[in-house]
C-alpha cells in the first residue's frame, strides 16, 4: 500500500501565507483578529506543532474562505486528494 501524502509543516506555512495574500490579510495578527484566535496558536497550527480543535476549524475556515476539508488538508491533518 502506498504511503499517503500529507502537507509538511513548510507546505502548510506556505499555503497559509499564500491564502492570506490572496485575501489581503496582511499578518497573523490580522488573521487572529478575524478568527478570535491567538496569533501564537495560529502559528503552531500551521507549523503542525498543534492540532486545531473542532471548535476552531469553523472560524478559521470562514476567515480563510475555504471548506473545512481544505483547511484540514492544508494543516496536514488529512491526506491530499490524489488525481
PDB file of N, CA and C in Angstrom:
ATOM      1  N   UNK A   1       0.843  -1.172   0.000  1.00  0.00           N
ATOM      2  CA  UNK A   1       0.000   0.000   0.000  1.00  0.00           C
ATOM      3  C   UNK A   1       0.893   1.241   0.000  1.00  0.00           C
ATOM      4  N   UNK A   2       0.555   2.209  -0.846  1.00  0.00           N
ATOM      5  CA  UNK A   2       1.351   3.426  -0.972  1.00  0.00           C
ATOM      6  C   UNK A   2       1.153   4.335   0.236  1.00  0.00           C
ATOM      7  N   UNK A   3       2.223   5.026   0.587  1.00  0.00           N
ATOM      8  CA  UNK A   3       2.141   5.978   1.682  1.00  0.00           C
ATOM      9  C   UNK A   3       1.293   7.171   1.236  1.00  0.00           C
ATOM     10  N   UNK A   4       0.424   7.610   2.106  1.00  0.00           N
ATOM     11  CA  UNK A   4      -0.439   8.744   1.777  1.00  0.00           C
ATOM     12  C   UNK A   4       0.333  10.046   1.962  1.00  0.00           C
ATOM     13  N   UNK A   5       0.066  10.975   1.090  1.00  0.00           N
ATOM     14  CA  UNK A   5       0.789  12.246   1.109  1.00  0.00           C
ATOM     15  C   UNK A   5       0.030  13.292   1.903  1.00  0.00           C
ATOM     16  N   UNK A   6       0.706  13.889   2.845  1.00  0.00           N
ATOM     17  CA  UNK A   6       0.156  14.990   3.626  1.00  0.00           C
ATOM     18  C   UNK A   6       1.077  16.193   3.493  1.00  0.00           C
ATOM     19  N   UNK A   7       0.526  17.354   3.739  1.00  0.00           N
ATOM     20  CA  UNK A   7       1.331  18.566   3.726  1.00  0.00           C
ATOM     21  C   UNK A   7       2.399  18.472   4.809  1.00  0.00           C
ATOM     22  N   UNK A   8       3.594  18.927   4.493  1.00  0.00           N
ATOM     23  CA  UNK A   8       4.633  19.085   5.512  1.00  0.00           C
ATOM     24  C   UNK A   8       4.364  20.407   6.232  1.00  0.00           C
ATOM     25  N   UNK A   9       5.053  20.644   7.322  1.00  0.00           N
ATOM     26  CA  UNK A   9       4.854  21.914   8.029  1.00  0.00           C
ATOM     27  C   UNK A   9       5.261  23.100   7.151  1.00  0.00           C
ATOM     28  N   UNK A  10       6.326  22.954   6.367  1.00  0.00           N
ATOM     29  CA  UNK A  10       6.727  24.035   5.460  1.00  0.00           C
ATOM     30  C   UNK A  10       5.652  24.308   4.414  1.00  0.00           C
ATOM     31  N   UNK A  11       5.038  23.256   3.896  1.00  0.00           N
ATOM     32  CA  UNK A  11       3.964  23.422   2.914  1.00  0.00           C
ATOM     33  C   UNK A  11       2.731  24.069   3.551  1.00  0.00           C
ATOM     34  N   UNK A  12       2.451  23.713   4.790  1.00  0.00           N
ATOM     35  CA  UNK A  12       1.318  24.314   5.497  1.00  0.00           C
ATOM     36  C   UNK A  12       1.513  25.812   5.683  1.00  0.00           C
ATOM     37  N   UNK A  13       2.704  26.198   6.103  1.00  0.00           N
ATOM     38  CA  UNK A  13       3.003  27.616   6.304  1.00  0.00           C
ATOM     39  C   UNK A  13       2.920  28.360   4.973  1.00  0.00           C
ATOM     40  N   UNK A  14       3.478  27.785   3.917  1.00  0.00           N
ATOM     41  CA  UNK A  14       3.429  28.421   2.598  1.00  0.00           C
ATOM     42  C   UNK A  14       1.982  28.569   2.131  1.00  0.00           C
ATOM     43  N   UNK A  15       1.166  27.529   2.337  1.00  0.00           N
ATOM     44  CA  UNK A  15      -0.245  27.589   1.951  1.00  0.00           C
ATOM     45  C   UNK A  15      -0.942  28.721   2.696  1.00  0.00           C
ATOM     46  N   UNK A  16      -0.712  28.820   4.008  1.00  0.00           N
ATOM     47  CA  UNK A  16      -1.344  29.854   4.820  1.00  0.00           C
ATOM     48  C   UNK A  16      -1.000  31.243   4.296  1.00  0.00           C
ATOM     49  N   UNK A  17       0.270  31.511   4.073  1.00  0.00           N
ATOM     50  CA  UNK A  17       0.659  32.851   3.643  1.00  0.00           C
ATOM     51  C   UNK A  17       0.181  33.142   2.219  1.00  0.00           C
ATOM     52  N   UNK A  18       0.141  32.148   1.354  1.00  0.00           N
ATOM     53  CA  UNK A  18      -0.433  32.342   0.018  1.00  0.00           C
ATOM     54  C   UNK A  18      -1.906  32.694   0.120  1.00  0.00           C
ATOM     55  N   UNK A  19      -2.632  31.952   0.966  1.00  0.00           N
ATOM     56  CA  UNK A  19      -4.070  32.187   1.114  1.00  0.00           C
ATOM     57  C   UNK A  19      -4.325  33.558   1.737  1.00  0.00           C
ATOM     58  N   UNK A  20      -3.555  33.904   2.750  1.00  0.00           N
ATOM     59  CA  UNK A  20      -3.701  35.218   3.362  1.00  0.00           C
ATOM     60  C   UNK A  20      -3.437  36.322   2.346  1.00  0.00           C
ATOM     61  N   UNK A  21      -2.427  36.138   1.515  1.00  0.00           N
ATOM     62  CA  UNK A  21      -2.104  37.126   0.488  1.00  0.00           C
ATOM     63  C   UNK A  21      -3.263  37.277  -0.504  1.00  0.00           C
ATOM     64  N   UNK A  22      -3.839  36.152  -0.926  1.00  0.00           N
ATOM     65  CA  UNK A  22      -4.976  36.184  -1.859  1.00  0.00           C
ATOM     66  C   UNK A  22      -6.145  36.969  -1.266  1.00  0.00           C
ATOM     67  N   UNK A  23      -6.330  36.872   0.042  1.00  0.00           N
ATOM     68  CA  UNK A  23      -7.448  37.518   0.715  1.00  0.00           C
ATOM     69  C   UNK A  23      -7.082  38.892   1.293  1.00  0.00           C
ATOM     70  N   UNK A  24      -5.848  39.308   1.045  1.00  0.00           N
ATOM     71  CA  UNK A  24      -5.335  40.584   1.546  1.00  0.00           C
ATOM     72  C   UNK A  24      -5.403  40.675   3.071  1.00  0.00           C
ATOM     73  N   UNK A  25      -5.078  39.550   3.708  1.00  0.00           N
ATOM     74  CA  UNK A  25      -4.918  39.511   5.165  1.00  0.00           C
ATOM     75  C   UNK A  25      -3.428  39.689   5.397  1.00  0.00           C
ATOM     76  N   UNK A  26      -3.039  40.818   5.949  1.00  0.00           N
ATOM     77  CA  UNK A  26      -1.631  41.185   5.991  1.00  0.00           C
ATOM     78  C   UNK A  26      -0.748  40.411   6.948  1.00  0.00           C
ATOM     79  N   UNK A  27      -1.268  40.096   8.131  1.00  0.00           N
ATOM     80  CA  UNK A  27      -0.419  39.486   9.162  1.00  0.00           C
ATOM     81  C   UNK A  27      -1.202  38.430   9.944  1.00  0.00           C
ATOM     82  N   UNK A  28      -0.461  37.654  10.716  1.00  0.00           N
ATOM     83  CA  UNK A  28      -1.125  36.711  11.616  1.00  0.00           C
ATOM     84  C   UNK A  28      -1.955  37.452  12.657  1.00  0.00           C
ATOM     85  N   UNK A  29      -1.533  38.652  13.028  1.00  0.00           N
ATOM     86  CA  UNK A  29      -2.345  39.462  13.938  1.00  0.00           C
ATOM     87  C   UNK A  29      -3.707  39.760  13.317  1.00  0.00           C
ATOM     88  N   UNK A  30      -3.706  40.073  12.014  1.00  0.00           N
ATOM     89  CA  UNK A  30      -4.968  40.339  11.315  1.00  0.00           C
ATOM     90  C   UNK A  30      -5.846  39.086  11.286  1.00  0.00           C
ATOM     91  N   UNK A  31      -5.220  37.932  11.003  1.00  0.00           N
ATOM     92  CA  UNK A  31      -5.972  36.675  10.984  1.00  0.00           C
ATOM     93  C   UNK A  31      -6.496  36.353  12.384  1.00  0.00           C
ATOM     94  N   UNK A  32      -5.695  36.627  13.391  1.00  0.00           N
ATOM     95  CA  UNK A  32      -6.129  36.399  14.771  1.00  0.00           C
ATOM     96  C   UNK A  32      -7.357  37.261  15.091  1.00  0.00           C
ATOM     97  N   UNK A  33      -7.348  38.492  14.635  1.00  0.00           N
ATOM     98  CA  UNK A  33      -8.496  39.375  14.861  1.00  0.00           C
ATOM     99  C   UNK A  33      -9.749  38.855  14.159  1.00  0.00           C
ATOM    100  N   UNK A  34      -9.572  38.316  12.958  1.00  0.00           N
ATOM    101  CA  UNK A  34     -10.713  37.787  12.205  1.00  0.00           C
ATOM    102  C   UNK A  34     -11.294  36.519  12.825  1.00  0.00           C
ATOM    103  N   UNK A  35     -10.452  35.733  13.462  1.00  0.00           N
ATOM    104  CA  UNK A  35     -10.888  34.437  13.983  1.00  0.00           C
ATOM    105  C   UNK A  35     -11.149  34.431  15.478  1.00  0.00           C
ATOM    106  N   UNK A  36     -10.596  35.397  16.190  1.00  0.00           N
ATOM    107  CA  UNK A  36     -10.697  35.395  17.639  1.00  0.00           C
ATOM    108  C   UNK A  36      -9.712  34.433  18.286  1.00  0.00           C
ATOM    109  N   UNK A  37      -8.765  33.945  17.500  1.00  0.00           N
ATOM    110  CA  UNK A  37      -7.755  33.007  17.995  1.00  0.00           C
ATOM    111  C   UNK A  37      -6.448  33.749  18.255  1.00  0.00           C
ATOM    112  N   UNK A  38      -5.654  33.205  19.131  1.00  0.00           N
ATOM    113  CA  UNK A  38      -4.356  33.771  19.467  1.00  0.00           C
ATOM    114  C   UNK A  38      -3.383  33.593  18.299  1.00  0.00           C
ATOM    115  N   UNK A  39      -2.592  34.636  18.035  1.00  0.00           N
ATOM    116  CA  UNK A  39      -1.609  34.588  16.947  1.00  0.00           C
ATOM    117  C   UNK A  39      -0.631  33.416  17.113  1.00  0.00           C
ATOM    118  N   UNK A  40      -0.151  33.203  18.326  1.00  0.00           N
ATOM    119  CA  UNK A  40       0.786  32.101  18.574  1.00  0.00           C
ATOM    120  C   UNK A  40       0.149  30.748  18.325  1.00  0.00           C
ATOM    121  N   UNK A  41      -1.111  30.614  18.692  1.00  0.00           N
ATOM    122  CA  UNK A  41      -1.837  29.367  18.449  1.00  0.00           C
ATOM    123  C   UNK A  41      -1.976  29.121  16.952  1.00  0.00           C
ATOM    124  N   UNK A  42      -2.334  30.163  16.204  1.00  0.00           N
ATOM    125  CA  UNK A  42      -2.434  30.029  14.744  1.00  0.00           C
ATOM    126  C   UNK A  42      -1.096  29.577  14.156  1.00  0.00           C
ATOM    127  N   UNK A  43      -0.022  30.180  14.614  1.00  0.00           N
ATOM    128  CA  UNK A  43       1.304  29.818  14.121  1.00  0.00           C
ATOM    129  C   UNK A  43       1.608  28.349  14.408  1.00  0.00           C
ATOM    130  N   UNK A  44       1.267  27.890  15.605  1.00  0.00           N
ATOM    131  CA  UNK A  44       1.530  26.484  15.965  1.00  0.00           C
ATOM    132  C   UNK A  44       0.698  25.527  15.112  1.00  0.00           C
ATOM    133  N   UNK A  45      -0.524  25.917  14.764  1.00  0.00           N
ATOM    134  CA  UNK A  45      -1.344  25.068  13.885  1.00  0.00           C
ATOM    135  C   UNK A  45      -0.657  24.881  12.545  1.00  0.00           C
ATOM    136  N   UNK A  46      -0.181  25.960  11.962  1.00  0.00           N
ATOM    137  CA  UNK A  46       0.376  25.883  10.625  1.00  0.00           C
ATOM    138  C   UNK A  46       1.803  25.352  10.596  1.00  0.00           C
ATOM    139  N   UNK A  47       2.483  25.368  11.726  1.00  0.00           N
ATOM    140  CA  UNK A  47       3.791  24.699  11.807  1.00  0.00           C
ATOM    141  C   UNK A  47       3.613  23.243  12.220  1.00  0.00           C
ATOM    142  N   UNK A  48       2.345  22.832  12.363  1.00  0.00           N
ATOM    143  CA  UNK A  48       1.952  21.467  12.728  1.00  0.00           C
ATOM    144  C   UNK A  48       2.518  21.049  14.085  1.00  0.00           C
ATOM    145  N   UNK A  49       2.659  22.006  14.964  1.00  0.00           N
ATOM    146  CA  UNK A  49       3.082  21.716  16.328  1.00  0.00           C
ATOM    147  C   UNK A  49       1.880  21.430  17.211  1.00  0.00           C
ATOM    148  N   UNK A  50       0.709  21.770  16.703  1.00  0.00           N
ATOM    149  CA  UNK A  50      -0.526  21.577  17.461  1.00  0.00           C
ATOM    150  C   UNK A  50      -1.664  21.347  16.472  1.00  0.00           C
ATOM    151  N   UNK A  51      -2.598  20.477  16.832  1.00  0.00           N
ATOM    152  CA  UNK A  51      -3.780  20.214  16.002  1.00  0.00           C
ATOM    153  C   UNK A  51      -4.929  21.087  16.474  1.00  0.00           C
ATOM    154  N   UNK A  52      -5.649  21.689  15.537  1.00  0.00           N
ATOM    155  CA  UNK A  52      -6.779  22.531  15.957  1.00  0.00           C
ATOM    156  C   UNK A  52      -7.930  21.684  16.485  1.00  0.00           C
ATOM    157  N   UNK A  53      -8.594  22.202  17.497  1.00  0.00           N
ATOM    158  CA  UNK A  53      -9.786  21.521  17.989  1.00  0.00           C
ATOM    159  C   UNK A  53     -10.931  21.819  17.027  1.00  0.00           C
ATOM    160  N   UNK A  54     -11.961  21.025  17.104  1.00  0.00           N
ATOM    161  CA  UNK A  54     -13.080  21.139  16.178  1.00  0.00           C
ATOM    162  C   UNK A  54     -13.734  22.514  16.238  1.00  0.00           C
ATOM    163  N   UNK A  55     -13.726  23.150  17.402  1.00  0.00           N
ATOM    164  CA  UNK A  55     -14.396  24.444  17.529  1.00  0.00           C
ATOM    165  C   UNK A  55     -13.649  25.605  16.867  1.00  0.00           C
ATOM    166  N   UNK A  56     -12.396  25.418  16.473  1.00  0.00           N
ATOM    167  CA  UNK A  56     -11.683  26.490  15.769  1.00  0.00           C
ATOM    168  C   UNK A  56     -11.652  26.298  14.257  1.00  0.00           C
ATOM    169  N   UNK A  57     -12.011  25.116  13.787  1.00  0.00           N
ATOM    170  CA  UNK A  57     -11.986  24.853  12.348  1.00  0.00           C
ATOM    171  C   UNK A  57     -12.974  25.766  11.617  1.00  0.00           C
ATOM    172  N   UNK A  58     -14.160  25.953  12.177  1.00  0.00           N
ATOM    173  CA  UNK A  58     -15.171  26.803  11.545  1.00  0.00           C
ATOM    174  C   UNK A  58     -14.715  28.246  11.385  1.00  0.00           C
ATOM    175  N   UNK A  59     -14.320  28.909  12.476  1.00  0.00           N
ATOM    176  CA  UNK A  59     -13.884  30.302  12.343  1.00  0.00           C
ATOM    177  C   UNK A  59     -12.669  30.469  11.419  1.00  0.00           C
ATOM    178  N   UNK A  60     -11.753  29.520  11.480  1.00  0.00           N
ATOM    179  CA  UNK A  60     -10.566  29.610  10.635  1.00  0.00           C
ATOM    180  C   UNK A  60     -10.917  29.371   9.170  1.00  0.00           C
ATOM    181  N   UNK A  61     -11.784  28.410   8.902  1.00  0.00           N
ATOM    182  CA  UNK A  61     -12.245  28.164   7.523  1.00  0.00           C
ATOM    183  C   UNK A  61     -12.980  29.378   6.978  1.00  0.00           C
ATOM    184  N   UNK A  62     -13.812  29.978   7.801  1.00  0.00           N
ATOM    185  CA  UNK A  62     -14.565  31.162   7.381  1.00  0.00           C
ATOM    186  C   UNK A  62     -13.626  32.318   7.055  1.00  0.00           C
ATOM    187  N   UNK A  63     -12.673  32.583   7.934  1.00  0.00           N
ATOM    188  CA  UNK A  63     -11.742  33.691   7.722  1.00  0.00           C
ATOM    189  C   UNK A  63     -10.894  33.488   6.465  1.00  0.00           C
ATOM    190  N   UNK A  64     -10.505  32.232   6.212  1.00  0.00           N
ATOM    191  CA  UNK A  64      -9.669  31.938   5.042  1.00  0.00           C
ATOM    192  C   UNK A  64     -10.496  31.590   3.804  1.00  0.00           C
ATOM    193  N   UNK A  65     -11.814  31.591   3.966  1.00  0.00           N
ATOM    194  CA  UNK A  65     -12.759  31.351   2.867  1.00  0.00           C
ATOM    195  C   UNK A  65     -12.470  30.041   2.133  1.00  0.00           C
ATOM    196  N   UNK A  66     -12.321  28.968   2.923  1.00  0.00           N
ATOM    197  CA  UNK A  66     -12.109  27.627   2.378  1.00  0.00           C
ATOM    198  C   UNK A  66     -12.996  26.640   3.123  1.00  0.00           C
ATOM    199  N   UNK A  67     -13.243  25.515   2.504  1.00  0.00           N
ATOM    200  CA  UNK A  67     -14.003  24.451   3.157  1.00  0.00           C
ATOM    201  C   UNK A  67     -13.172  23.863   4.300  1.00  0.00           C
ATOM    202  N   UNK A  68     -13.833  23.372   5.345  1.00  0.00           N
ATOM    203  CA  UNK A  68     -13.085  22.743   6.444  1.00  0.00           C
ATOM    204  C   UNK A  68     -12.137  21.636   5.959  1.00  0.00           C
ATOM    205  N   UNK A  69     -12.557  20.852   4.997  1.00  0.00           N
ATOM    206  CA  UNK A  69     -11.692  19.789   4.468  1.00  0.00           C
ATOM    207  C   UNK A  69     -10.410  20.371   3.868  1.00  0.00           C
ATOM    208  N   UNK A  70     -10.536  21.467   3.146  1.00  0.00           N
ATOM    209  CA  UNK A  70      -9.359  22.118   2.553  1.00  0.00           C
ATOM    210  C   UNK A  70      -8.418  22.601   3.651  1.00  0.00           C
ATOM    211  N   UNK A  71      -8.978  23.206   4.673  1.00  0.00           N
ATOM    212  CA  UNK A  71      -8.169  23.687   5.788  1.00  0.00           C
ATOM    213  C   UNK A  71      -7.443  22.533   6.476  1.00  0.00           C
ATOM    214  N   UNK A  72      -8.161  21.471   6.775  1.00  0.00           N
ATOM    215  CA  UNK A  72      -7.550  20.326   7.460  1.00  0.00           C
ATOM    216  C   UNK A  72      -6.483  19.656   6.604  1.00  0.00           C
ATOM    217  N   UNK A  73      -6.670  19.661   5.303  1.00  0.00           N
ATOM    218  CA  UNK A  73      -5.638  19.141   4.399  1.00  0.00           C
ATOM    219  C   UNK A  73      -4.407  20.032   4.460  1.00  0.00           C
ATOM    220  N   UNK A  74      -4.623  21.348   4.416  1.00  0.00           N
ATOM    221  CA  UNK A  74      -3.501  22.295   4.478  1.00  0.00           C
ATOM    222  C   UNK A  74      -2.751  22.210   5.798  1.00  0.00           C
ATOM    223  N   UNK A  75      -3.456  21.837   6.857  1.00  0.00           N
ATOM    224  CA  UNK A  75      -2.819  21.700   8.168  1.00  0.00           C
ATOM    225  C   UNK A  75      -2.110  20.358   8.339  1.00  0.00           C
ATOM    226  N   UNK A  76      -2.205  19.510   7.341  1.00  0.00           N
ATOM    227  CA  UNK A  76      -1.569  18.201   7.423  1.00  0.00           C
ATOM    228  C   UNK A  76      -2.358  17.179   8.216  1.00  0.00           C
ATOM    229  N   UNK A  77      -3.622  17.501   8.515  1.00  0.00           N
ATOM    230  CA  UNK A  77      -4.461  16.581   9.292  1.00  0.00           C
ATOM    231  C   UNK A  77      -5.161  15.556   8.412  1.00  0.00           C
ATOM    232  N   UNK A  78      -5.315  15.870   7.139  1.00  0.00           N
ATOM    233  CA  UNK A  78      -5.931  14.953   6.172  1.00  0.00           C
ATOM    234  C   UNK A  78      -5.000  14.745   4.994  1.00  0.00           C
ATOM    235  N   UNK A  79      -5.125  13.603   4.355  1.00  0.00           N
ATOM    236  CA  UNK A  79      -4.348  13.334   3.154  1.00  0.00           C
ATOM    237  C   UNK A  79      -4.788  14.249   2.024  1.00  0.00           C
ATOM    238  N   UNK A  80      -3.829  14.568   1.155  1.00  0.00           N
ATOM    239  CA  UNK A  80      -4.164  15.311  -0.062  1.00  0.00           C
ATOM    240  C   UNK A  80      -4.936  14.391  -0.988  1.00  0.00           C
ATOM    241  N   UNK A  81      -5.816  14.977  -1.767  1.00  0.00           N
ATOM    242  CA  UNK A  81      -6.545  14.174  -2.752  1.00  0.00           C
ATOM    243  C   UNK A  81      -5.589  13.860  -3.904  1.00  0.00           C
ATOM    244  N   UNK A  82      -5.617  12.633  -4.297  1.00  0.00           N
ATOM    245  CA  UNK A  82      -4.794  12.202  -5.432  1.00  0.00           C
ATOM    246  C   UNK A  82      -5.563  12.389  -6.717  1.00  0.00           C
ATOM    247  N   UNK A  83      -4.877  12.783  -7.738  1.00  0.00           N
ATOM    248  CA  UNK A  83      -5.538  12.964  -9.044  1.00  0.00           C
ATOM    249  C   UNK A  83      -5.336  11.767  -9.895  1.00  0.00           C
TER     250      UNK A  83
END
